Amino acid sequence: MRDFEVRLKETLRSEVALLDRITYYIAHRKGKQVRPMMVLLSAKLFGDVNDSSFIAATMVELLHTATLVHDDVVDEAEKRRGFFSINALWKNKVAVLVGDYFLAKGLMIAVENDEFLHLKILNRSVKAMSEGELLQIAKARRLDIKEEVYYKIIEKKTASFIAAACTVGAASITTDEEALEKMHQLGIKIGMAYQIKDDLFDYGTDKIGKPRGIDIKEKKMTLPLIYALQNANRAEKRKIINMVKNNSHKSNVVREVIQFATEKGGIEYAAKKMYAYREEALDILFTFPKNAARDALEELIHFVTERKK
């Protein structure tokens, strides 16, 4: 990871002073870097990390950062991970252009190094992420998301990119199509568990870097509430949907919706589903020979579902 960070900083260096200042700011407020870590561990599962592996990890981090910068503009978010967002400090126009720069830079690295399989794998996932976000926005207008639609949304908007990280890491070492497909499925299962854990934070009390109840305020229907509504009578369902639709900005409404989801077993059900995805991920992982990378990936999968933020 230290070698990766050196390479990433070299990649981001720019002759434009404003861009250099912003990329420096982004680099010093980085998150857990789970995705590039998954790239490198997926590579090590099949052999020694090489230049192609580092290119894959750099592409993943650049493309992921681009989506985060753009997301903050779309969500009008002032903070991310406790730090001011790019749009809060430099306004929307600069933030959109910085996101575009990261996206272009990520794609150019693949082209300049003839890593066209990396490009294919990651481009497919970025397309899926956009589709997932738009599907969620479309459904939020009517608040009619069914459980199977929720899974489709999170597979596209979160799991597809984690699957791409696992696949592209493996693809930097091996050309075995069966192994690459297994890595894709491994990433999907990890990503599903990761997003359900993220959605559960909205109903918890942990300090997690985003306000409690933010999904409810934004009318995002996630698994705890979807399950609770499925198990409510018609009057309860109508009441909660009207509250979310018309008054989700009010703190007392958010508290009532959280209480409703808890009492109807939504939190417990979502946690159960999250752990089921974790077990499916581990089942796939354990089909590969045991080595240090497999052990580390096993720890990372457990971290995804036990993390506090």
Protein backbone atom coordinates (compact mmCIF):
# COMPACT_ATOMS: atom_id res chain seq x y z
CA MET A 1 0.00 0.00 0.00
CA ARG A 2 2.94 2.36 0.65
CA ASP A 3 4.27 1.67 -2.86
CA PHE A 4 0.77 2.21 -4.24
CA GLU A 5 0.44 5.60 -2.51
CA VAL A 6 3.77 6.78 -3.96
CA ARG A 7 2.62 5.80 -7.45
CA LEU A 8 -0.78 7.45 -6.92
CA LYS A 9 0.79 10.77 -5.88
CA GLU A 10 3.07 10.72 -8.93
CA THR A 11 0.04 10.07 -11.15
CA LEU A 12 -1.90 12.99 -9.67
CA ARG A 13 0.87 15.58 -10.06
CA SER A 14 -0.28 18.47 -12.25
CA GLU A 15 1.14 21.72 -13.64
CA VAL A 16 -2.12 23.51 -12.72
CA ALA A 17 -1.60 24.98 -9.24
CA LEU A 18 -5.30 24.88 -8.27
CA LEU A 19 -5.61 21.23 -9.30
CA ASP A 20 -2.41 20.36 -7.43
CA ARG A 21 -3.77 22.01 -4.28
CA ILE A 22 -7.08 20.15 -4.51
CA THR A 23 -5.48 16.74 -5.20
CA TYR A 24 -3.15 17.33 -2.23
CA TYR A 25 -6.23 18.03 -0.08
CA ILE A 26 -7.96 14.86 -1.33
CA ALA A 27 -4.84 12.73 -0.76
CA HIS A 28 -4.58 13.89 2.86
CA ARG A 29 -8.19 13.08 3.74
CA LYS A 30 -8.27 9.64 2.16
CA GLY A 31 -10.58 6.99 3.56
CA LYS A 32 -9.91 3.36 4.38
CA GLN A 33 -8.75 2.60 0.80
CA VAL A 34 -10.57 -0.71 0.90
CA ARG A 35 -10.91 -0.90 -2.89
CA PRO A 36 -7.22 -0.58 -3.89
CA MET A 37 -6.43 -2.94 -1.01
CA MET A 38 -8.83 -5.46 -2.56
CA VAL A 39 -7.10 -5.03 -5.93
CA LEU A 40 -3.66 -5.80 -4.49
CA LEU A 41 -4.85 -8.70 -2.29
CA SER A 42 -6.79 -10.19 -5.22
CA ALA A 43 -3.60 -10.01 -7.28
CA LYS A 44 -1.54 -11.64 -4.48
CA LEU A 45 -4.07 -14.46 -4.32
CA PHE A 46 -2.67 -15.60 -7.69
CA GLY A 47 0.97 -14.50 -7.56
CA ASP A 48 3.30 -11.58 -6.94
CA VAL A 49 2.02 -8.03 -7.30
CA ASN A 50 3.41 -6.45 -10.48
CA ASP A 51 3.20 -3.15 -12.42
CA SER A 52 -0.14 -4.20 -13.91
CA SER A 53 -1.50 -4.72 -10.38
CA PHE A 54 -0.41 -1.22 -9.31
CA ILE A 55 -1.95 0.28 -12.46
CA ALA A 56 -5.22 -1.51 -11.63
CA ALA A 57 -5.16 -0.26 -8.01
CA THR A 58 -4.45 3.30 -9.17
CA MET A 59 -7.28 3.18 -11.69
CA VAL A 60 -9.69 1.92 -9.05
CA GLU A 61 -8.75 4.67 -6.59
CA LEU A 62 -8.97 7.42 -9.23
CA LEU A 63 -12.34 6.28 -10.58
CA HIS A 64 -13.74 5.80 -7.07
CA THR A 65 -12.57 9.28 -6.04
CA ALA A 66 -14.17 10.76 -9.17
CA THR A 67 -17.53 9.23 -8.26
CA LEU A 68 -17.28 10.52 -4.67
CA VAL A 69 -16.49 14.08 -5.77
CA HIS A 70 -19.42 14.02 -8.21
CA ASP A 71 -21.72 12.43 -5.58
CA ASP A 72 -21.01 15.28 -3.17
CA VAL A 73 -22.08 17.78 -5.83
CA VAL A 74 -25.28 15.82 -6.60
CA ASP A 75 -26.09 15.41 -2.88
CA GLU A 76 -25.10 19.02 -2.07
CA ALA A 77 -22.96 17.52 0.71
CA GLU A 78 -20.79 19.91 2.68
CA LYS A 79 -18.71 17.22 4.40
CA ARG A 80 -17.27 13.79 3.72
CA ARG A 81 -15.53 11.72 6.40
CA GLY A 82 -15.59 14.74 8.70
CA PHE A 83 -13.77 17.00 6.21
CA PHE A 84 -15.24 19.70 3.99
CA SER A 85 -16.15 18.39 0.53
CA ILE A 86 -14.51 19.78 -2.61
CA ASN A 87 -17.74 21.55 -3.61
CA ALA A 88 -18.01 23.17 -0.17
CA LEU A 89 -14.51 24.62 -0.43
CA TRP A 90 -14.17 25.34 -4.16
CA LYS A 91 -17.82 25.36 -5.37
CA ASN A 92 -19.65 23.00 -7.73
CA LYS A 93 -18.01 24.01 -11.01
CA VAL A 94 -14.51 23.24 -9.73
CA ALA A 95 -15.69 20.02 -8.05
CA VAL A 96 -17.28 18.70 -11.26
CA LEU A 97 -14.12 19.48 -13.24
CA VAL A 98 -11.92 17.81 -10.62
CA GLY A 99 -14.14 14.72 -10.76
CA ASP A 100 -13.84 14.75 -14.56
CA TYR A 101 -10.05 15.04 -14.25
CA PHE A 102 -9.83 12.01 -11.94
CA LEU A 103 -12.08 10.03 -14.28
CA ALA A 104 -10.02 10.96 -17.35
CA LYS A 105 -6.75 10.29 -15.53
CA GLY A 106 -7.95 6.84 -14.48
CA LEU A 107 -8.90 5.94 -18.05
CA MET A 108 -5.69 7.40 -19.53
CA ILE A 109 -3.47 5.24 -17.30
CA ALA A 110 -5.03 2.14 -18.83
CA VAL A 111 -4.64 3.44 -22.40
CA GLU A 112 -1.04 4.60 -21.90
CA ASN A 113 -0.05 1.20 -20.51
CA ASP A 114 -2.09 -0.93 -22.96
CA GLU A 115 -4.18 -2.34 -20.09
CA PHE A 116 -7.35 -2.65 -22.14
CA LEU A 117 -8.79 -5.51 -20.08
CA HIS A 118 -8.53 -3.28 -16.98
CA LEU A 119 -10.35 -0.58 -18.93
CA LYS A 120 -13.12 -2.97 -19.97
CA ILE A 121 -13.66 -4.33 -16.46
CA LEU A 122 -13.74 -0.93 -14.75
CA ASN A 123 -15.72 0.91 -17.43
CA ARG A 124 -18.47 -1.69 -17.15
CA SER A 125 -18.71 -1.09 -13.40
CA VAL A 126 -18.76 2.74 -13.69
CA LYS A 127 -21.67 2.39 -16.14
CA ALA A 128 -23.48 0.11 -13.66
CA MET A 129 -22.88 2.58 -10.81
CA SER A 130 -24.54 5.39 -12.78
CA GLU A 131 -27.50 3.13 -13.61
CA GLY A 132 -27.86 2.15 -9.95
CA GLU A 133 -27.88 5.74 -8.71
CA LEU A 134 -30.43 6.78 -11.35
CA LEU A 135 -32.64 3.78 -10.55
CA GLN A 136 -32.57 4.73 -6.87
CA ILE A 137 -33.48 8.35 -7.67
CA ALA A 138 -36.36 7.22 -9.90
CA LYS A 139 -37.74 4.90 -7.22
CA ALA A 140 -37.30 7.48 -4.43
CA ARG A 141 -39.91 9.68 -6.12
CA ARG A 142 -42.63 7.07 -5.53
CA LEU A 143 -41.21 5.31 -2.45
CA ASP A 144 -42.31 1.96 -3.89
CA ILE A 145 -39.05 0.02 -3.81
CA LYS A 146 -39.49 -3.72 -3.37
CA GLU A 147 -36.78 -5.85 -1.76
CA GLU A 148 -35.60 -7.33 -5.08
CA VAL A 149 -35.29 -3.84 -6.60
CA TYR A 150 -33.23 -2.72 -3.59
CA TYR A 151 -30.79 -5.58 -4.21
CA LYS A 152 -30.58 -4.63 -7.89
CA ILE A 153 -29.81 -1.01 -6.95
CA ILE A 154 -27.04 -1.83 -4.48
CA GLU A 155 -25.53 -4.46 -6.77
CA LYS A 156 -25.20 -1.81 -9.47
CA LYS A 157 -24.22 1.22 -7.39
CA THR A 158 -21.83 -0.42 -4.90
CA ALA A 159 -21.19 -4.13 -5.43
CA SER A 160 -20.33 -3.80 -9.15
CA PHE A 161 -17.32 -1.59 -8.40
CA ILE A 162 -16.01 -3.78 -5.57
CA ALA A 163 -16.45 -6.76 -7.92
CA ALA A 164 -14.44 -4.87 -10.55
CA ALA A 165 -11.68 -4.18 -7.99
CA CYS A 166 -11.39 -7.90 -7.16
CA THR A 167 -11.57 -8.94 -10.82
CA VAL A 168 -9.08 -6.38 -12.15
CA GLY A 169 -6.59 -7.31 -9.41
CA ALA A 170 -6.79 -10.98 -10.35
CA ALA A 171 -6.64 -10.09 -14.07
CA SER A 172 -3.27 -8.39 -13.51
CA ILE A 173 -1.83 -11.84 -12.71
CA THR A 174 -3.97 -14.54 -14.31
CA THR A 175 -5.95 -15.03 -17.53
CA ASP A 176 -7.99 -17.95 -16.12
CA GLU A 177 -11.56 -16.96 -17.03
CA GLU A 178 -13.13 -19.27 -14.44
CA ALA A 179 -10.98 -17.73 -11.69
CA LEU A 180 -11.84 -14.20 -12.88
CA GLU A 181 -15.56 -14.99 -12.81
CA LYS A 182 -15.22 -16.35 -9.27
CA MET A 183 -13.42 -13.16 -8.23
CA HIS A 184 -16.24 -11.12 -9.76
CA GLN A 185 -18.83 -13.06 -7.76
CA LEU A 186 -16.69 -12.73 -4.62
CA GLY A 187 -16.65 -8.95 -5.10
CA ILE A 188 -20.42 -8.83 -5.65
CA LYS A 189 -21.06 -10.65 -2.36
CA ILE A 190 -18.60 -8.41 -0.46
CA GLY A 191 -20.16 -5.31 -2.04
CA MET A 192 -23.71 -6.33 -1.13
CA ALA A 193 -22.66 -6.87 2.50
CA TYR A 194 -20.73 -3.57 2.48
CA GLN A 195 -23.73 -1.53 1.28
CA ILE A 196 -26.20 -3.15 3.69
CA LYS A 197 -23.79 -2.35 6.54
CA ASP A 198 -23.64 1.25 5.28
CA ASP A 199 -27.44 1.42 5.20
CA LEU A 200 -27.65 0.02 8.74
CA PHE A 201 -25.48 2.89 10.02
CA ASP A 202 -28.35 5.24 9.16
CA TYR A 203 -30.46 3.53 11.81
CA GLY A 204 -27.74 3.21 14.46
CA THR A 205 -26.11 5.51 16.96
CA ASP A 206 -22.44 5.15 16.01
CA LYS A 207 -20.59 8.27 14.88
CA ILE A 208 -19.93 7.33 11.30
CA GLY A 209 -19.04 10.47 9.38
CA LYS A 210 -22.53 11.16 8.07
CA PRO A 211 -25.60 12.41 9.96
CA ARG A 212 -27.89 9.76 11.41
CA GLY A 213 -31.05 9.42 9.35
CA ILE A 214 -29.60 11.04 6.23
CA ASP A 215 -31.02 8.31 3.95
CA ILE A 216 -34.47 8.91 5.41
CA LYS A 217 -34.12 12.68 4.95
CA GLU A 218 -33.15 12.07 1.32
CA LYS A 219 -36.09 9.65 0.90
CA LYS A 220 -33.77 6.74 0.11
CA MET A 221 -35.57 3.47 0.76
CA THR A 222 -33.07 1.00 2.21
CA LEU A 223 -33.52 -2.57 3.44
CA PRO A 224 -34.48 -1.90 7.12
CA LEU A 225 -37.38 0.35 6.08
CA ILE A 226 -38.38 -1.75 3.04
CA TYR A 227 -38.70 -4.85 5.24
CA ALA A 228 -40.56 -2.94 7.96
CA LEU A 229 -43.11 -1.63 5.42
CA GLN A 230 -43.57 -5.13 4.00
CA ASN A 231 -44.55 -6.28 7.49
CA ALA A 232 -46.82 -3.35 8.39
CA ASN A 233 -50.58 -3.13 7.99
CA ARG A 234 -52.09 -0.81 5.39
CA ALA A 235 -52.68 2.10 7.80
CA GLU A 236 -49.12 1.92 9.24
CA LYS A 237 -47.63 1.71 5.75
CA ARG A 238 -49.62 4.72 4.50
CA LYS A 239 -48.66 6.77 7.57
CA ILE A 240 -44.92 6.07 7.32
CA ILE A 241 -44.77 6.64 3.55
CA ASN A 242 -46.59 9.98 3.92
CA MET A 243 -44.20 10.99 6.72
CA VAL A 244 -41.13 10.19 4.60
CA LYS A 245 -42.62 11.79 1.49
CA ASN A 246 -43.70 15.05 3.12
CA ASN A 247 -41.77 15.58 6.37
CA SER A 248 -38.53 13.59 6.17
CA HIS A 249 -36.55 16.79 6.89
CA LYS A 250 -37.91 16.90 10.45
CA SER A 251 -35.83 15.26 13.20
CA ASN A 252 -38.87 13.92 15.08
CA VAL A 253 -40.09 12.23 11.87
CA VAL A 254 -36.67 10.64 11.31
CA ARG A 255 -36.71 9.31 14.89
CA GLU A 256 -40.21 7.86 14.43
CA VAL A 257 -39.27 6.15 11.15
CA ILE A 258 -36.16 4.64 12.78
CA GLN A 259 -38.27 3.41 15.71
CA PHE A 260 -40.82 1.93 13.28
CA ALA A 261 -38.10 0.08 11.31
CA THR A 262 -36.62 -1.24 14.55
CA GLU A 263 -39.94 -2.43 16.02
CA LYS A 264 -40.93 -4.16 12.78
CA GLY A 265 -37.67 -6.14 12.71
CA GLY A 266 -36.11 -4.25 9.80
CA ILE A 267 -32.74 -3.74 11.48
CA GLU A 268 -32.49 -7.37 12.53
CA TYR A 269 -33.54 -8.60 9.08
CA ALA A 270 -31.03 -6.37 7.26
CA ALA A 271 -28.21 -7.54 9.54
CA LYS A 272 -29.18 -11.17 8.87
CA LYS A 273 -29.03 -10.55 5.10
CA MET A 274 -25.67 -8.80 5.45
CA TYR A 275 -24.17 -11.77 7.29
CA ALA A 276 -25.63 -14.16 4.69
CA TYR A 277 -23.80 -12.27 1.92
CA ARG A 278 -20.63 -12.38 4.04
CA GLU A 279 -20.89 -16.16 4.36
CA GLU A 280 -21.43 -16.51 0.60
CA ALA A 281 -18.31 -14.38 0.01
CA LEU A 282 -16.26 -16.54 2.38
CA ASP A 283 -17.52 -19.73 0.69
CA ILE A 284 -16.20 -18.44 -2.66
CA LEU A 285 -12.92 -17.23 -1.12
CA PHE A 286 -12.25 -20.63 0.48
CA THR A 287 -12.32 -22.33 -2.93
CA PHE A 288 -8.90 -20.74 -3.56
CA PRO A 289 -5.70 -22.22 -2.08
CA LYS A 290 -4.83 -20.93 1.37
CA ASN A 291 -2.08 -18.31 1.48
CA ALA A 292 -1.33 -14.98 3.19
CA ALA A 293 -3.45 -13.03 0.70
CA ARG A 294 -6.45 -15.29 1.23
CA ASP A 295 -6.12 -14.88 5.01
CA ALA A 296 -5.94 -11.09 4.60
CA LEU A 297 -9.01 -11.07 2.32
CA GLU A 298 -10.86 -13.13 4.91
CA GLU A 299 -10.02 -10.48 7.55
CA LEU A 300 -11.09 -7.72 5.16
CA ILE A 301 -14.46 -9.41 4.55
CA HIS A 302 -15.03 -9.58 8.32
CA PHE A 303 -13.98 -5.92 8.63
CA VAL A 304 -16.61 -4.92 6.04
CA THR A 305 -19.42 -6.23 8.24
CA GLU A 306 -17.97 -5.33 11.66
CA ARG A 307 -16.65 -1.82 10.93
CA LYS A 308 -17.83 1.11 13.06
CA LYS A 309 -17.83 3.67 10.22
